[in-house]
Structure formats: C-alpha cells, structure tokens
C-alpha cells in the first residue's frame, strides 16, 4: 500500500494549504481526496506534487506491504 502521510507533513511544514494546491497549482479536489484516502493517483500527480514541494517521491510517499500478492 502507498501512503501519503509524509506529503501532508511536508505541506504543513512548508505552509502550503489544500486551498493553495487547488487554486494556485491546479490540483483537483478529487486528486486531494484520493491522496487523503491513500488511493491510486497517477505518476503525473506525483510529479506535480514533487515540483510544487521541490522534493523527490520518497519525500512524500511510503510503501508498506499489504499482504496481497497480485503477480
């Protein structure tokens, strides 16, 4: 499972609100909702967030095993 807890912490640290993400950077409410629920988002969304936060993907997300092996 991918979790975005680190992203929310980084946003708080950098004083970037959800309002600003939507109105200044063009993220949709749907994208933010999926991130809040740790649901799937596109790599494009991850790329946009990394550009906004000037960071790497590992700075905003973590992977944990969920026990489901879908190979």
C-alpha atoms as a PDB file:
ATOM      1  CA  UNK A   1       0.000   0.000   0.000  1.00  0.00           C
ATOM      2  CA  UNK A   2       1.159   3.513  -0.784  1.00  0.00           C
ATOM      3  CA  UNK A   3       0.670   6.097   1.955  1.00  0.00           C
ATOM      4  CA  UNK A   4       0.963   9.858   1.562  1.00  0.00           C
ATOM      5  CA  UNK A   5       1.382  10.851   5.230  1.00  0.00           C
ATOM      6  CA  UNK A   6       4.814  12.316   4.532  1.00  0.00           C
ATOM      7  CA  UNK A   7       3.282  14.603   1.895  1.00  0.00           C
ATOM      8  CA  UNK A   8       0.781  16.085   4.365  1.00  0.00           C
ATOM      9  CA  UNK A   9       3.569  16.674   6.869  1.00  0.00           C
ATOM     10  CA  UNK A  10       5.698  18.374   4.215  1.00  0.00           C
ATOM     11  CA  UNK A  11       2.786  20.557   3.096  1.00  0.00           C
ATOM     12  CA  UNK A  12       2.222  21.645   6.686  1.00  0.00           C
ATOM     13  CA  UNK A  13       5.931  22.316   7.181  1.00  0.00           C
ATOM     14  CA  UNK A  14       6.053  24.440   4.020  1.00  0.00           C
ATOM     15  CA  UNK A  15       2.753  26.181   4.888  1.00  0.00           C
ATOM     16  CA  UNK A  16       1.029  25.105   1.678  1.00  0.00           C
ATOM     17  CA  UNK A  17      -2.706  24.674   2.169  1.00  0.00           C
ATOM     18  CA  UNK A  18      -5.108  22.468   0.260  1.00  0.00           C
ATOM     19  CA  UNK A  19      -6.757  25.690  -0.914  1.00  0.00           C
ATOM     20  CA  UNK A  20      -3.457  26.792  -2.446  1.00  0.00           C
ATOM     21  CA  UNK A  21      -2.920  23.383  -4.088  1.00  0.00           C
ATOM     22  CA  UNK A  22      -6.318  23.680  -5.764  1.00  0.00           C
ATOM     23  CA  UNK A  23      -6.425  27.380  -6.623  1.00  0.00           C
ATOM     24  CA  UNK A  24      -2.779  28.203  -7.288  1.00  0.00           C
ATOM     25  CA  UNK A  25      -1.342  24.932  -8.535  1.00  0.00           C
ATOM     26  CA  UNK A  26      -4.375  23.405 -10.274  1.00  0.00           C
ATOM     27  CA  UNK A  27      -4.765  20.142  -8.368  1.00  0.00           C
ATOM     28  CA  UNK A  28      -8.339  18.932  -8.283  1.00  0.00           C
ATOM     29  CA  UNK A  29     -10.382  18.223  -5.187  1.00  0.00           C
ATOM     30  CA  UNK A  30     -10.680  14.655  -6.462  1.00  0.00           C
ATOM     31  CA  UNK A  31      -6.904  14.221  -6.531  1.00  0.00           C
ATOM     32  CA  UNK A  32      -6.607  15.554  -2.989  1.00  0.00           C
ATOM     33  CA  UNK A  33      -9.419  13.282  -1.856  1.00  0.00           C
ATOM     34  CA  UNK A  34      -7.633  10.236  -3.326  1.00  0.00           C
ATOM     35  CA  UNK A  35      -4.401  11.282  -1.624  1.00  0.00           C
ATOM     36  CA  UNK A  36      -6.206  11.668   1.725  1.00  0.00           C
ATOM     37  CA  UNK A  37      -7.606   8.153   1.359  1.00  0.00           C
ATOM     38  CA  UNK A  38      -4.241   6.718   0.207  1.00  0.00           C
ATOM     39  CA  UNK A  39      -5.872   5.702  -3.067  1.00  0.00           C
ATOM     40  CA  UNK A  40      -4.298   5.464  -6.510  1.00  0.00           C
ATOM     41  CA  UNK A  41      -3.084   8.633  -8.198  1.00  0.00           C
ATOM     42  CA  UNK A  42      -1.176   8.974 -11.431  1.00  0.00           C
ATOM     43  CA  UNK A  43       2.558   9.416 -11.689  1.00  0.00           C
ATOM     44  CA  UNK A  44       1.760  12.782 -13.245  1.00  0.00           C
ATOM     45  CA  UNK A  45       0.138  13.840  -9.953  1.00  0.00           C
ATOM     46  CA  UNK A  46       3.197  12.657  -8.017  1.00  0.00           C
ATOM     47  CA  UNK A  47       5.407  14.591 -10.453  1.00  0.00           C
ATOM     48  CA  UNK A  48       3.322  17.757 -10.000  1.00  0.00           C
ATOM     49  CA  UNK A  49       3.498  17.451  -6.211  1.00  0.00           C
ATOM     50  CA  UNK A  50       7.270  16.893  -6.313  1.00  0.00           C
ATOM     51  CA  UNK A  51       7.649  20.024  -8.438  1.00  0.00           C
ATOM     52  CA  UNK A  52       5.453  22.066  -6.086  1.00  0.00           C
ATOM     53  CA  UNK A  53       7.266  20.829  -2.987  1.00  0.00           C
ATOM     54  CA  UNK A  54      10.695  20.690  -4.666  1.00  0.00           C
ATOM     55  CA  UNK A  55      11.261  17.165  -3.426  1.00  0.00           C
ATOM     56  CA  UNK A  56      11.564  13.546  -4.561  1.00  0.00           C
ATOM     57  CA  UNK A  57       8.791  10.917  -4.481  1.00  0.00           C
ATOM     58  CA  UNK A  58      10.294   9.236  -1.413  1.00  0.00           C
ATOM     59  CA  UNK A  59       9.828  12.530   0.429  1.00  0.00           C
ATOM     60  CA  UNK A  60       6.036  12.395   0.014  1.00  0.00           C
ATOM     61  CA  UNK A  61       5.090   8.725  -0.054  1.00  0.00           C
ATOM     62  CA  UNK A  62       5.900   5.433   1.607  1.00  0.00           C
ATOM     63  CA  UNK A  63       5.212   1.858   0.595  1.00  0.00           C
ATOM     64  CA  UNK A  64       4.095  -0.773   3.065  1.00  0.00           C
ATOM     65  CA  UNK A  65       3.304  -4.396   2.354  1.00  0.00           C
ATOM     66  CA  UNK A  66      -0.410  -5.060   2.438  1.00  0.00           C
ATOM     67  CA  UNK A  67      -0.277  -8.837   2.226  1.00  0.00           C
ATOM     68  CA  UNK A  68      -1.901  -9.041  -1.208  1.00  0.00           C
ATOM     69  CA  UNK A  69       0.336 -10.632  -3.800  1.00  0.00           C
ATOM     70  CA  UNK A  70      -1.139  -9.844  -7.216  1.00  0.00           C
ATOM     71  CA  UNK A  71       1.549 -11.134  -9.525  1.00  0.00           C
END
